[in-house]
Amino acid sequence: MKAPPVRVAPRTAPALLPLARFALVALVLGRERASELLEGLGEREAERAKEHLARFSALTSAQRQAKVAMEFGMRSDPAQQLRELMAEAPEALRREIFRRLPPYHRSLFPERRVEPADASTSPALCALAERLIREATR
């Protein structure tokens, strides 16, 4: 008795990331070598990817960061990130972070109260608090 024939699924090409994403990753990770990194894509694809690279390079740093976040996903756990940040930060930074949080994030810390801004608070501490909040919530 003969064995039934084995069915082989037709081969499909592997799914590739869109060229714009390749260009974005090359720019973020490779910086000065981004164009060189895209050379390995093949002539036509490299050309198109370099067009995307030129567009992304013209963006400001904040715009590029936003683009990366939108392309590759936002954090799904900002509450957890904020809790960890508050647990690790020194008290002066914690006060400044809490002061700058929107009300819906302040509700994560019911034990804290907004304290008035202190005149001796350095601008660097304020900037750091804002940056840490952005990083934890994006």
Protein backbone atom coordinates (compact mmCIF):
# COMPACT_ATOMS: atom_id res chain seq x y z
CA MET A 1 0.00 0.00 0.00
CA LYS A 2 1.28 3.40 -0.98
CA ALA A 3 1.65 6.22 1.53
CA PRO A 4 -0.57 9.21 0.78
CA PRO A 5 1.28 12.06 -0.90
CA VAL A 6 2.65 14.69 1.43
CA ARG A 7 1.26 18.11 0.85
CA VAL A 8 3.78 20.88 0.92
CA ALA A 9 2.53 24.39 1.52
CA PRO A 10 3.61 26.84 -1.16
CA ARG A 11 6.59 28.94 -0.11
CA THR A 12 5.91 32.55 0.53
CA ALA A 13 8.44 35.30 0.87
CA PRO A 14 9.09 36.36 4.46
CA ALA A 15 7.30 39.51 5.51
CA LEU A 16 9.63 42.47 5.56
CA LEU A 17 9.35 45.68 7.47
CA PRO A 18 8.37 48.65 5.34
CA LEU A 19 11.40 50.55 4.04
CA ALA A 20 10.46 53.59 6.09
CA ARG A 21 10.87 51.52 9.25
CA PHE A 22 14.26 50.23 8.10
CA ALA A 23 15.35 53.82 7.53
CA LEU A 24 14.06 54.90 10.94
CA VAL A 25 15.85 52.07 12.73
CA ALA A 26 19.06 52.77 10.80
CA LEU A 27 18.90 56.44 11.75
CA VAL A 28 18.17 55.78 15.43
CA LEU A 29 20.75 53.04 15.86
CA GLY A 30 23.34 53.94 13.25
CA ARG A 31 23.28 57.75 13.17
CA GLU A 32 26.22 58.67 10.90
CA ARG A 33 26.32 55.19 9.37
CA ALA A 34 22.58 55.05 8.60
CA SER A 35 23.02 55.49 4.86
CA GLU A 36 25.74 52.85 4.80
CA LEU A 37 23.54 50.42 6.74
CA LEU A 38 20.80 50.75 4.14
CA GLU A 39 23.14 49.72 1.31
CA GLY A 40 22.55 46.07 2.17
CA LEU A 41 18.90 46.27 1.09
CA GLY A 42 19.53 46.10 -2.63
CA GLU A 43 19.78 48.91 -5.14
CA ARG A 44 16.13 49.86 -5.63
CA GLU A 45 15.12 49.35 -1.99
CA ALA A 46 18.18 51.21 -0.72
CA GLU A 47 17.31 54.20 -2.88
CA ARG A 48 13.77 54.33 -1.56
CA ALA A 49 14.93 53.77 2.03
CA LYS A 50 17.42 56.63 1.69
CA GLU A 51 14.57 58.92 0.62
CA HIS A 52 12.83 58.03 3.89
CA LEU A 53 16.12 58.53 5.73
CA ALA A 54 16.46 62.05 4.32
CA ARG A 55 12.92 62.85 5.48
CA PHE A 56 13.56 61.51 8.98
CA SER A 57 16.93 63.26 9.22
CA ALA A 58 15.21 66.60 8.58
CA LEU A 59 12.98 66.10 11.64
CA THR A 60 13.87 67.53 15.03
CA SER A 61 15.02 65.10 17.70
CA ALA A 62 11.63 65.28 19.44
CA GLN A 63 9.81 64.63 16.17
CA ARG A 64 12.04 61.63 15.45
CA GLN A 65 11.43 60.24 18.94
CA ALA A 66 7.70 60.66 18.47
CA LYS A 67 7.90 58.92 15.10
CA VAL A 68 9.80 55.99 16.63
CA ALA A 69 7.25 55.74 19.43
CA MET A 70 4.35 55.77 16.99
CA GLU A 71 5.95 53.26 14.60
CA PHE A 72 7.18 50.78 17.17
CA GLY A 73 4.56 51.24 19.86
CA MET A 74 3.87 53.29 22.86
CA ARG A 75 4.57 51.98 26.33
CA SER A 76 1.63 50.01 27.57
CA ASP A 77 2.62 50.42 31.19
CA PRO A 78 3.06 54.13 32.00
CA ALA A 79 1.56 53.69 35.46
CA GLN A 80 4.12 51.04 36.37
CA GLN A 81 6.94 53.11 34.88
CA LEU A 82 5.88 56.14 36.92
CA ARG A 83 5.66 54.08 40.13
CA GLU A 84 9.19 52.76 39.57
CA LEU A 85 10.47 56.24 38.78
CA MET A 86 8.96 57.67 41.96
CA ALA A 87 10.37 54.78 44.03
CA GLU A 88 13.91 55.33 42.72
CA ALA A 89 14.05 59.13 42.63
CA PRO A 90 15.45 61.21 45.51
CA GLU A 91 12.80 63.14 47.46
CA ALA A 92 13.46 66.54 45.84
CA LEU A 93 13.06 65.02 42.39
CA ARG A 94 9.95 63.11 43.52
CA ARG A 95 8.31 66.36 44.63
CA GLU A 96 9.11 68.01 41.30
CA ILE A 97 7.91 65.01 39.28
CA PHE A 98 4.66 64.88 41.23
CA ARG A 99 4.13 68.64 40.82
CA ARG A 100 4.44 68.25 37.02
CA LEU A 101 2.27 65.15 36.62
CA PRO A 102 -1.18 65.60 35.09
CA PRO A 103 -4.03 64.98 37.59
CA TYR A 104 -4.89 61.55 36.16
CA HIS A 105 -1.31 60.36 36.86
CA ARG A 106 -1.23 61.99 40.30
CA SER A 107 -4.01 59.64 41.32
CA LEU A 108 -1.39 56.85 41.25
CA PHE A 109 0.15 58.39 44.37
CA PRO A 110 -2.73 59.12 46.81
CA GLU A 111 -0.28 59.55 49.70
CA ARG A 112 1.35 62.62 48.06
CA ARG A 113 0.14 66.19 47.92
CA VAL A 114 1.20 68.92 45.50
CA GLU A 115 3.60 71.22 47.29
CA PRO A 116 4.15 74.80 46.14
CA ALA A 117 7.18 75.36 43.95
CA ASP A 118 10.28 76.22 45.93
CA ALA A 119 12.27 79.24 44.73
CA SER A 120 15.47 77.31 45.29
CA THR A 121 14.46 74.53 42.86
CA SER A 122 16.98 74.53 40.05
CA PRO A 123 15.89 74.74 36.41
CA ALA A 124 17.95 71.61 35.78
CA LEU A 125 15.86 69.65 38.30
CA CYS A 126 12.66 70.90 36.64
CA ALA A 127 13.93 69.89 33.20
CA LEU A 128 15.01 66.48 34.49
CA ALA A 129 11.60 65.88 36.07
CA GLU A 130 9.84 66.76 32.81
CA ARG A 131 12.15 64.52 30.79
CA LEU A 132 11.71 61.56 33.15
CA ILE A 133 7.92 61.94 32.98
CA ARG A 134 8.04 61.98 29.19
CA GLU A 135 10.25 58.91 29.10
CA ALA A 136 8.05 56.99 31.55
CA THR A 137 4.80 57.80 29.78
CA ARG A 138 5.64 57.52 26.11
